[in-house]
Amino acid sequence: MKIDRPFFDTNVLLYLLSEDNLKADRAEAIIASGGIISVQVLNEFASVASRKLRMSYVEIRDVLATIRAVCQTQALTVDTHDRGLDIAERFGFSLYDSMIVSSALQCGCSVLYSEDMQHNQKIDAQLLVINPFLDK
């Protein structure tokens, strides 16, 4: 199943809350067009927003509700986990980045927006990692 919508890594969503207006505006622009996230992304966002940004759970739920209104959410499965382990081993990504990649591949995405991985890296001849915050 080929899906034209991109997959968003947690760091892209977190830039919605950034004091860097250029990055916040860029994140808002690409997310507004819709895409896919995983439950892992929701969890990571909530963790960082609570722990580092000191947001209340009410505030976190409000932001995530807006994100979920424009993004499809992919469930985590044992298959996601197994493929993520394989990706971590083959590419040397962190375990959590590997699970993001695994979810994006399972959704049939061709683009993964992330600041954490190598820009323009192609994974399994399907998924292109794009850092949306690089100067063009």
N, C-alpha and C. Protein backbone atom coordinates (compact mmCIF):
# COMPACT_ATOMS: atom_id res chain seq x y z
N MET A 1 0.84 -1.18 0.00
CA MET A 1 0.00 0.00 0.00
C MET A 1 0.89 1.24 0.00
N LYS A 2 0.81 2.05 -1.01
CA LYS A 2 1.62 3.26 -1.14
C LYS A 2 0.82 4.46 -0.63
N ILE A 3 1.42 5.17 0.30
CA ILE A 3 0.77 6.35 0.88
C ILE A 3 1.64 7.56 0.57
N ASP A 4 1.06 8.59 0.03
CA ASP A 4 1.83 9.77 -0.34
C ASP A 4 2.07 10.72 0.82
N ARG A 5 1.43 10.48 1.93
CA ARG A 5 1.62 11.36 3.08
C ARG A 5 2.93 11.04 3.79
N PRO A 6 3.59 12.06 4.32
CA PRO A 6 4.86 11.83 5.02
C PRO A 6 4.63 11.31 6.43
N PHE A 7 5.69 10.77 7.00
CA PHE A 7 5.71 10.35 8.40
C PHE A 7 6.51 11.40 9.16
N PHE A 8 6.03 11.77 10.36
CA PHE A 8 6.70 12.79 11.16
C PHE A 8 7.37 12.18 12.38
N ASP A 9 8.65 12.51 12.57
CA ASP A 9 9.36 12.14 13.79
C ASP A 9 8.94 13.12 14.89
N THR A 10 9.15 12.71 16.12
CA THR A 10 8.75 13.51 17.29
C THR A 10 9.35 14.90 17.27
N ASN A 11 10.63 15.00 16.89
CA ASN A 11 11.30 16.30 16.93
C ASN A 11 10.61 17.34 16.04
N VAL A 12 10.03 16.91 14.95
CA VAL A 12 9.32 17.84 14.07
C VAL A 12 8.09 18.40 14.78
N LEU A 13 7.35 17.53 15.47
CA LEU A 13 6.17 17.98 16.20
C LEU A 13 6.55 18.93 17.34
N LEU A 14 7.64 18.61 18.00
CA LEU A 14 8.06 19.46 19.13
C LEU A 14 8.42 20.87 18.69
N TYR A 15 8.87 21.03 17.46
CA TYR A 15 9.18 22.37 16.96
C TYR A 15 7.94 23.26 16.85
N LEU A 16 6.76 22.67 16.90
CA LEU A 16 5.55 23.50 16.95
C LEU A 16 5.56 24.39 18.19
N LEU A 17 6.26 23.95 19.23
CA LEU A 17 6.32 24.67 20.51
C LEU A 17 7.59 25.49 20.67
N SER A 18 8.39 25.56 19.63
CA SER A 18 9.69 26.21 19.70
C SER A 18 9.59 27.73 19.77
N GLU A 19 10.55 28.32 20.44
CA GLU A 19 10.67 29.78 20.44
C GLU A 19 11.37 30.28 19.17
N ASP A 20 11.93 29.36 18.41
CA ASP A 20 12.53 29.67 17.11
C ASP A 20 11.37 29.75 16.11
N ASN A 21 10.96 30.96 15.80
CA ASN A 21 9.77 31.16 14.97
C ASN A 21 9.90 30.55 13.58
N LEU A 22 11.10 30.58 13.01
CA LEU A 22 11.28 30.00 11.68
C LEU A 22 11.03 28.49 11.69
N LYS A 23 11.58 27.81 12.70
CA LYS A 23 11.38 26.36 12.80
C LYS A 23 9.94 26.04 13.19
N ALA A 24 9.36 26.82 14.07
CA ALA A 24 7.96 26.59 14.45
C ALA A 24 7.04 26.77 13.25
N ASP A 25 7.28 27.80 12.47
CA ASP A 25 6.45 28.05 11.28
C ASP A 25 6.63 26.95 10.24
N ARG A 26 7.87 26.49 10.07
CA ARG A 26 8.14 25.42 9.10
C ARG A 26 7.44 24.13 9.54
N ALA A 27 7.54 23.80 10.84
CA ALA A 27 6.88 22.60 11.35
C ALA A 27 5.37 22.70 11.14
N GLU A 28 4.81 23.84 11.45
CA GLU A 28 3.36 24.02 11.30
C GLU A 28 2.95 23.85 9.84
N ALA A 29 3.73 24.39 8.92
CA ALA A 29 3.39 24.32 7.50
C ALA A 29 3.39 22.88 6.99
N ILE A 30 4.38 22.09 7.36
CA ILE A 30 4.41 20.73 6.83
C ILE A 30 3.42 19.81 7.53
N ILE A 31 3.17 20.05 8.80
CA ILE A 31 2.21 19.21 9.53
C ILE A 31 0.78 19.53 9.11
N ALA A 32 0.51 20.79 8.80
CA ALA A 32 -0.85 21.21 8.42
C ALA A 32 -1.35 20.46 7.19
N SER A 33 -0.44 20.00 6.35
CA SER A 33 -0.82 19.26 5.15
C SER A 33 -1.18 17.81 5.45
N GLY A 34 -0.97 17.41 6.69
CA GLY A 34 -1.31 16.05 7.10
C GLY A 34 -0.15 15.10 6.92
N GLY A 35 -0.28 13.97 7.55
CA GLY A 35 0.76 12.96 7.49
C GLY A 35 0.43 11.85 8.46
N ILE A 36 1.46 11.13 8.84
CA ILE A 36 1.28 9.98 9.72
C ILE A 36 2.27 10.08 10.87
N ILE A 37 1.82 9.69 12.04
CA ILE A 37 2.65 9.58 13.22
C ILE A 37 2.36 8.23 13.86
N SER A 38 3.21 7.82 14.78
CA SER A 38 2.94 6.57 15.50
C SER A 38 2.59 6.88 16.94
N VAL A 39 2.08 5.89 17.61
CA VAL A 39 1.80 6.03 19.04
C VAL A 39 3.09 6.36 19.79
N GLN A 40 4.21 5.83 19.32
CA GLN A 40 5.50 6.16 19.92
C GLN A 40 5.76 7.66 19.86
N VAL A 41 5.44 8.28 18.74
CA VAL A 41 5.63 9.73 18.59
C VAL A 41 4.76 10.48 19.59
N LEU A 42 3.53 10.04 19.76
CA LEU A 42 2.65 10.67 20.76
C LEU A 42 3.26 10.56 22.16
N ASN A 43 3.77 9.37 22.49
CA ASN A 43 4.36 9.15 23.81
C ASN A 43 5.61 9.99 24.03
N GLU A 44 6.48 10.01 23.04
CA GLU A 44 7.71 10.80 23.16
C GLU A 44 7.39 12.29 23.29
N PHE A 45 6.43 12.75 22.50
CA PHE A 45 6.02 14.16 22.57
C PHE A 45 5.53 14.49 23.98
N ALA A 46 4.65 13.66 24.52
CA ALA A 46 4.10 13.90 25.85
C ALA A 46 5.20 13.89 26.91
N SER A 47 6.14 12.99 26.77
CA SER A 47 7.24 12.90 27.74
C SER A 47 8.09 14.16 27.73
N VAL A 48 8.50 14.60 26.56
CA VAL A 48 9.34 15.80 26.45
C VAL A 48 8.56 17.05 26.88
N ALA A 49 7.31 17.14 26.45
CA ALA A 49 6.50 18.31 26.79
C ALA A 49 6.30 18.42 28.31
N SER A 50 6.12 17.30 28.95
CA SER A 50 5.93 17.29 30.40
C SER A 50 7.24 17.54 31.15
N ARG A 51 8.24 16.79 30.79
CA ARG A 51 9.50 16.80 31.53
C ARG A 51 10.34 18.04 31.24
N LYS A 52 10.55 18.34 29.98
CA LYS A 52 11.45 19.43 29.61
C LYS A 52 10.75 20.78 29.46
N LEU A 53 9.53 20.75 28.93
CA LEU A 53 8.82 22.01 28.68
C LEU A 53 7.87 22.37 29.81
N ARG A 54 7.73 21.47 30.78
CA ARG A 54 6.91 21.70 31.96
C ARG A 54 5.46 22.04 31.64
N MET A 55 4.95 21.42 30.58
CA MET A 55 3.55 21.62 30.20
C MET A 55 2.68 20.73 31.08
N SER A 56 1.48 21.19 31.32
CA SER A 56 0.52 20.36 32.05
C SER A 56 -0.04 19.30 31.10
N TYR A 57 -0.63 18.26 31.67
CA TYR A 57 -1.23 17.23 30.82
C TYR A 57 -2.43 17.76 30.04
N VAL A 58 -3.11 18.74 30.58
CA VAL A 58 -4.21 19.37 29.84
C VAL A 58 -3.66 20.06 28.60
N GLU A 59 -2.56 20.80 28.76
CA GLU A 59 -1.94 21.47 27.62
C GLU A 59 -1.42 20.46 26.60
N ILE A 60 -0.80 19.40 27.09
CA ILE A 60 -0.27 18.36 26.20
C ILE A 60 -1.40 17.72 25.41
N ARG A 61 -2.48 17.39 26.08
CA ARG A 61 -3.64 16.79 25.38
C ARG A 61 -4.19 17.73 24.32
N ASP A 62 -4.25 19.03 24.62
CA ASP A 62 -4.76 20.00 23.65
C ASP A 62 -3.89 20.05 22.39
N VAL A 63 -2.59 20.10 22.58
CA VAL A 63 -1.68 20.15 21.42
C VAL A 63 -1.79 18.84 20.63
N LEU A 64 -1.77 17.72 21.34
CA LEU A 64 -1.84 16.44 20.64
C LEU A 64 -3.19 16.23 19.94
N ALA A 65 -4.25 16.77 20.49
CA ALA A 65 -5.56 16.67 19.83
C ALA A 65 -5.52 17.39 18.48
N THR A 66 -4.87 18.53 18.44
CA THR A 66 -4.74 19.27 17.19
C THR A 66 -3.91 18.48 16.18
N ILE A 67 -2.82 17.92 16.63
CA ILE A 67 -1.96 17.12 15.76
C ILE A 67 -2.72 15.90 15.25
N ARG A 68 -3.43 15.23 16.15
CA ARG A 68 -4.16 14.02 15.76
C ARG A 68 -5.32 14.33 14.81
N ALA A 69 -5.79 15.56 14.82
CA ALA A 69 -6.86 15.95 13.90
C ALA A 69 -6.37 16.00 12.45
N VAL A 70 -5.08 16.22 12.24
CA VAL A 70 -4.55 16.31 10.88
C VAL A 70 -3.64 15.14 10.50
N CYS A 71 -3.26 14.33 11.47
CA CYS A 71 -2.36 13.21 11.22
C CYS A 71 -3.02 11.87 11.56
N GLN A 72 -2.82 10.92 10.71
CA GLN A 72 -3.24 9.54 10.99
C GLN A 72 -2.25 8.97 12.01
N THR A 73 -2.74 8.16 12.94
CA THR A 73 -1.87 7.56 13.94
C THR A 73 -1.73 6.06 13.67
N GLN A 74 -0.48 5.62 13.59
CA GLN A 74 -0.15 4.22 13.35
C GLN A 74 0.08 3.52 14.69
N ALA A 75 -0.58 2.39 14.89
CA ALA A 75 -0.39 1.61 16.11
C ALA A 75 0.97 0.94 16.12
N LEU A 76 1.46 0.64 17.30
CA LEU A 76 2.70 -0.13 17.44
C LEU A 76 2.35 -1.60 17.55
N THR A 77 3.12 -2.42 16.88
CA THR A 77 2.89 -3.86 16.89
C THR A 77 4.20 -4.59 17.15
N VAL A 78 4.09 -5.89 17.37
CA VAL A 78 5.29 -6.70 17.50
C VAL A 78 6.08 -6.68 16.19
N ASP A 79 5.39 -6.62 15.06
CA ASP A 79 6.07 -6.53 13.76
C ASP A 79 6.87 -5.22 13.67
N THR A 80 6.30 -4.13 14.18
CA THR A 80 7.02 -2.85 14.22
C THR A 80 8.31 -3.02 15.01
N HIS A 81 8.19 -3.65 16.16
CA HIS A 81 9.33 -3.88 17.04
C HIS A 81 10.40 -4.74 16.35
N ASP A 82 9.97 -5.86 15.78
CA ASP A 82 10.93 -6.77 15.14
C ASP A 82 11.65 -6.09 13.97
N ARG A 83 10.91 -5.38 13.15
CA ARG A 83 11.55 -4.69 12.01
C ARG A 83 12.44 -3.56 12.52
N GLY A 84 12.02 -2.89 13.59
CA GLY A 84 12.83 -1.83 14.18
C GLY A 84 14.17 -2.35 14.68
N LEU A 85 14.17 -3.53 15.30
CA LEU A 85 15.43 -4.14 15.75
C LEU A 85 16.35 -4.41 14.56
N ASP A 86 15.77 -4.92 13.48
CA ASP A 86 16.55 -5.19 12.27
C ASP A 86 17.14 -3.89 11.71
N ILE A 87 16.35 -2.85 11.69
CA ILE A 87 16.82 -1.55 11.18
C ILE A 87 17.94 -0.99 12.05
N ALA A 88 17.79 -1.11 13.37
CA ALA A 88 18.84 -0.63 14.29
C ALA A 88 20.15 -1.36 14.02
N GLU A 89 20.05 -2.65 13.81
CA GLU A 89 21.25 -3.45 13.57
C GLU A 89 21.90 -3.11 12.22
N ARG A 90 21.09 -2.97 11.19
CA ARG A 90 21.62 -2.72 9.84
C ARG A 90 22.15 -1.31 9.66
N PHE A 91 21.45 -0.31 10.21
CA PHE A 91 21.80 1.08 9.93
C PHE A 91 22.52 1.78 11.08
N GLY A 92 22.51 1.17 12.26
CA GLY A 92 23.17 1.79 13.40
C GLY A 92 22.39 2.95 14.01
N PHE A 93 21.11 3.04 13.70
CA PHE A 93 20.26 4.08 14.31
C PHE A 93 20.01 3.72 15.77
N SER A 94 19.61 4.72 16.55
CA SER A 94 19.18 4.42 17.92
C SER A 94 17.93 3.54 17.85
N LEU A 95 17.66 2.85 18.93
CA LEU A 95 16.49 1.97 18.96
C LEU A 95 15.21 2.74 18.68
N TYR A 96 15.06 3.90 19.30
CA TYR A 96 13.82 4.66 19.12
C TYR A 96 13.69 5.22 17.71
N ASP A 97 14.79 5.69 17.12
CA ASP A 97 14.74 6.13 15.73
C ASP A 97 14.41 4.97 14.81
N SER A 98 14.94 3.79 15.13
CA SER A 98 14.66 2.61 14.31
C SER A 98 13.19 2.22 14.35
N MET A 99 12.54 2.42 15.48
CA MET A 99 11.11 2.12 15.59
C MET A 99 10.28 3.13 14.77
N ILE A 100 10.74 4.38 14.74
CA ILE A 100 10.08 5.40 13.90
C ILE A 100 10.20 5.00 12.44
N VAL A 101 11.40 4.63 12.02
CA VAL A 101 11.62 4.19 10.64
C VAL A 101 10.76 2.98 10.32
N SER A 102 10.73 2.02 11.22
CA SER A 102 9.92 0.82 11.03
C SER A 102 8.45 1.18 10.81
N SER A 103 7.92 2.05 11.64
CA SER A 103 6.52 2.48 11.50
C SER A 103 6.28 3.15 10.16
N ALA A 104 7.19 4.03 9.77
CA ALA A 104 7.04 4.74 8.49
C ALA A 104 7.05 3.76 7.32
N LEU A 105 7.95 2.78 7.38
CA LEU A 105 8.00 1.78 6.31
C LEU A 105 6.72 0.94 6.28
N GLN A 106 6.22 0.56 7.45
CA GLN A 106 4.99 -0.24 7.51
C GLN A 106 3.79 0.52 6.95
N CYS A 107 3.81 1.83 7.07
CA CYS A 107 2.71 2.65 6.54
C CYS A 107 2.83 2.87 5.04
N GLY A 108 3.95 2.47 4.46
CA GLY A 108 4.16 2.70 3.04
C GLY A 108 4.59 4.11 2.71
N CYS A 109 5.06 4.85 3.69
CA CYS A 109 5.49 6.23 3.45
C CYS A 109 6.77 6.25 2.62
N SER A 110 6.90 7.29 1.82
CA SER A 110 8.12 7.47 1.04
C SER A 110 9.00 8.58 1.62
N VAL A 111 8.46 9.37 2.56
CA VAL A 111 9.21 10.45 3.20
C VAL A 111 9.05 10.38 4.71
N LEU A 112 10.18 10.54 5.41
CA LEU A 112 10.19 10.66 6.87
C LEU A 112 10.83 12.00 7.19
N TYR A 113 10.05 12.90 7.77
CA TYR A 113 10.60 14.18 8.22
C TYR A 113 11.21 13.97 9.61
N SER A 114 12.53 14.22 9.70
CA SER A 114 13.23 14.05 10.95
C SER A 114 14.49 14.90 10.95
N GLU A 115 14.82 15.41 12.11
CA GLU A 115 16.06 16.15 12.27
C GLU A 115 17.15 15.24 12.82
N ASP A 116 16.80 14.03 13.23
CA ASP A 116 17.73 13.15 13.94
C ASP A 116 18.55 12.22 13.06
N MET A 117 18.18 12.06 11.82
CA MET A 117 18.89 11.12 10.96
C MET A 117 19.52 11.86 9.79
N GLN A 118 20.27 11.14 9.00
CA GLN A 118 21.00 11.76 7.89
C GLN A 118 20.05 12.24 6.80
N HIS A 119 20.13 13.53 6.50
CA HIS A 119 19.30 14.13 5.46
C HIS A 119 19.57 13.43 4.12
N ASN A 120 18.51 13.12 3.40
CA ASN A 120 18.54 12.47 2.09
C ASN A 120 18.97 11.01 2.13
N GLN A 121 18.98 10.40 3.31
CA GLN A 121 19.30 8.97 3.38
C GLN A 121 18.08 8.17 2.92
N LYS A 122 18.32 7.19 2.07
CA LYS A 122 17.26 6.31 1.57
C LYS A 122 17.34 5.00 2.34
N ILE A 123 16.19 4.55 2.82
CA ILE A 123 16.12 3.34 3.63
C ILE A 123 15.25 2.32 2.92
N ASP A 124 15.81 1.14 2.72
CA ASP A 124 15.12 0.02 2.07
C ASP A 124 14.49 0.40 0.73
N ALA A 125 15.19 1.25 -0.01
CA ALA A 125 14.74 1.68 -1.35
C ALA A 125 13.32 2.23 -1.36
N GLN A 126 12.85 2.70 -0.20
CA GLN A 126 11.47 3.19 -0.10
C GLN A 126 11.37 4.54 0.59
N LEU A 127 12.09 4.67 1.70
CA LEU A 127 11.87 5.80 2.61
C LEU A 127 13.04 6.78 2.54
N LEU A 128 12.73 8.04 2.24
CA LEU A 128 13.74 9.09 2.18
C LEU A 128 13.63 9.96 3.42
N VAL A 129 14.73 10.10 4.16
CA VAL A 129 14.77 10.95 5.34
C VAL A 129 15.04 12.38 4.90
N ILE A 130 14.17 13.27 5.32
CA ILE A 130 14.30 14.70 4.98
C ILE A 130 14.33 15.50 6.26
N ASN A 131 15.35 16.35 6.41
CA ASN A 131 15.39 17.30 7.52
C ASN A 131 14.72 18.58 7.02
N PRO A 132 13.53 18.87 7.49
CA PRO A 132 12.78 20.02 6.96
C PRO A 132 13.32 21.37 7.45
N PHE A 133 14.31 21.34 8.34
CA PHE A 133 14.81 22.58 8.93
C PHE A 133 16.14 23.03 8.35
N LEU A 134 16.65 22.29 7.37
CA LEU A 134 17.89 22.71 6.71
C LEU A 134 17.58 23.91 5.83
N ASP A 135 18.54 24.83 5.75
CA ASP A 135 18.37 25.97 4.85
C ASP A 135 18.36 25.46 3.41
N LYS A 136 17.47 26.02 2.66
CA LYS A 136 17.33 25.56 1.27
C LYS A 136 18.16 26.41 0.35
